[in-house]
Amino acid sequence: MHLFETEEGDKWVCITCGIEKEDMIREKKWEYIFDNADQTLRCSICGHPDYEIED
């Protein structure tokens, strides 16, 4: 999960949305802060984690 600083506050973005929304992220000048692999985090765009954990 990538953390970005935005005009609306910090937002977590999953790997998939980070790729799909790369143009929007650049256009809005979101500043990349760091990555975190915590599976409890949810993407602010799609609402899903980076990976689904199978039981």
C-alpha atoms as a PDB file:
ATOM      1  CA  MET A   1       0.000   0.000   0.000  1.00  0.00           C
ATOM      2  CA  HIS A   2       1.347   3.439  -0.922  1.00  0.00           C
ATOM      3  CA  LEU A   3       0.728   6.462   1.304  1.00  0.00           C
ATOM      4  CA  PHE A   4       0.256   9.795  -0.458  1.00  0.00           C
ATOM      5  CA  GLU A   5      -0.093  13.292   0.939  1.00  0.00           C
ATOM      6  CA  THR A   6      -3.008  14.986  -0.840  1.00  0.00           C
ATOM      7  CA  GLU A   7      -4.829  18.292  -0.604  1.00  0.00           C
ATOM      8  CA  GLU A   8      -7.569  16.408   1.296  1.00  0.00           C
ATOM      9  CA  GLY A   9      -5.179  14.687   3.723  1.00  0.00           C
ATOM     10  CA  ASP A  10      -3.110  11.502   3.611  1.00  0.00           C
ATOM     11  CA  LYS A  11      -4.518   8.640   1.520  1.00  0.00           C
ATOM     12  CA  TRP A  12      -3.573   4.982   1.155  1.00  0.00           C
ATOM     13  CA  VAL A  13      -3.565   3.701  -2.440  1.00  0.00           C
ATOM     14  CA  CYS A  14      -3.230   0.016  -3.355  1.00  0.00           C
ATOM     15  CA  ILE A  15      -0.695  -1.189  -5.917  1.00  0.00           C
ATOM     16  CA  THR A  16      -3.387  -1.765  -8.573  1.00  0.00           C
ATOM     17  CA  CYS A  17      -5.012   1.670  -8.214  1.00  0.00           C
ATOM     18  CA  GLY A  18      -1.569   3.268  -8.063  1.00  0.00           C
ATOM     19  CA  ILE A  19      -0.893   1.916 -11.549  1.00  0.00           C
ATOM     20  CA  GLU A  20      -4.391   2.527 -12.949  1.00  0.00           C
ATOM     21  CA  LYS A  21      -4.678   6.063 -11.514  1.00  0.00           C
ATOM     22  CA  GLU A  22      -1.052   7.121 -12.062  1.00  0.00           C
ATOM     23  CA  ASP A  23      -2.057   9.981 -14.403  1.00  0.00           C
ATOM     24  CA  MET A  24      -4.597  11.336 -11.894  1.00  0.00           C
ATOM     25  CA  ILE A  25      -2.064  11.092  -9.037  1.00  0.00           C
ATOM     26  CA  ARG A  26       0.495  13.044 -11.076  1.00  0.00           C
ATOM     27  CA  GLU A  27      -2.086  15.581 -12.264  1.00  0.00           C
ATOM     28  CA  LYS A  28      -3.253  16.302  -8.708  1.00  0.00           C
ATOM     29  CA  LYS A  29       0.400  16.369  -7.549  1.00  0.00           C
ATOM     30  CA  TRP A  30      -0.083  13.859  -4.734  1.00  0.00           C
ATOM     31  CA  GLU A  31       3.219  13.495  -2.862  1.00  0.00           C
ATOM     32  CA  TYR A  32       4.407   9.934  -2.228  1.00  0.00           C
ATOM     33  CA  ILE A  33       5.367   9.365   1.426  1.00  0.00           C
ATOM     34  CA  PHE A  34       6.120   5.628   1.902  1.00  0.00           C
ATOM     35  CA  ASP A  35       4.879   2.032   1.464  1.00  0.00           C
ATOM     36  CA  ASN A  36       3.399  -0.286   4.080  1.00  0.00           C
ATOM     37  CA  ALA A  37       2.549  -3.979   3.598  1.00  0.00           C
ATOM     38  CA  ASP A  38      -0.049  -4.098   6.413  1.00  0.00           C
ATOM     39  CA  GLN A  39      -3.047  -6.133   5.182  1.00  0.00           C
ATOM     40  CA  THR A  40      -5.471  -4.205   7.435  1.00  0.00           C
ATOM     41  CA  LEU A  41      -4.995  -1.046   5.335  1.00  0.00           C
ATOM     42  CA  ARG A  42      -7.618  -0.303   2.686  1.00  0.00           C
ATOM     43  CA  CYS A  43      -7.247   1.693  -0.516  1.00  0.00           C
ATOM     44  CA  SER A  44      -8.943   5.106  -0.478  1.00  0.00           C
ATOM     45  CA  ILE A  45      -9.922   4.620  -4.132  1.00  0.00           C
ATOM     46  CA  CYS A  46     -11.263   1.029  -4.368  1.00  0.00           C
ATOM     47  CA  GLY A  47     -11.582   0.082  -0.689  1.00  0.00           C
ATOM     48  CA  HIS A  48      -9.601  -3.159  -1.004  1.00  0.00           C
ATOM     49  CA  PRO A  49      -6.239  -4.260   0.435  1.00  0.00           C
ATOM     50  CA  ASP A  50      -3.197  -4.847  -1.795  1.00  0.00           C
ATOM     51  CA  TYR A  51      -3.727  -8.617  -1.653  1.00  0.00           C
ATOM     52  CA  GLU A  52      -6.507 -10.840  -0.384  1.00  0.00           C
ATOM     53  CA  ILE A  53      -5.360 -13.353   2.236  1.00  0.00           C
ATOM     54  CA  GLU A  54      -6.808 -16.801   1.698  1.00  0.00           C
ATOM     55  CA  ASP A  55      -7.590 -18.886   4.801  1.00  0.00           C
END
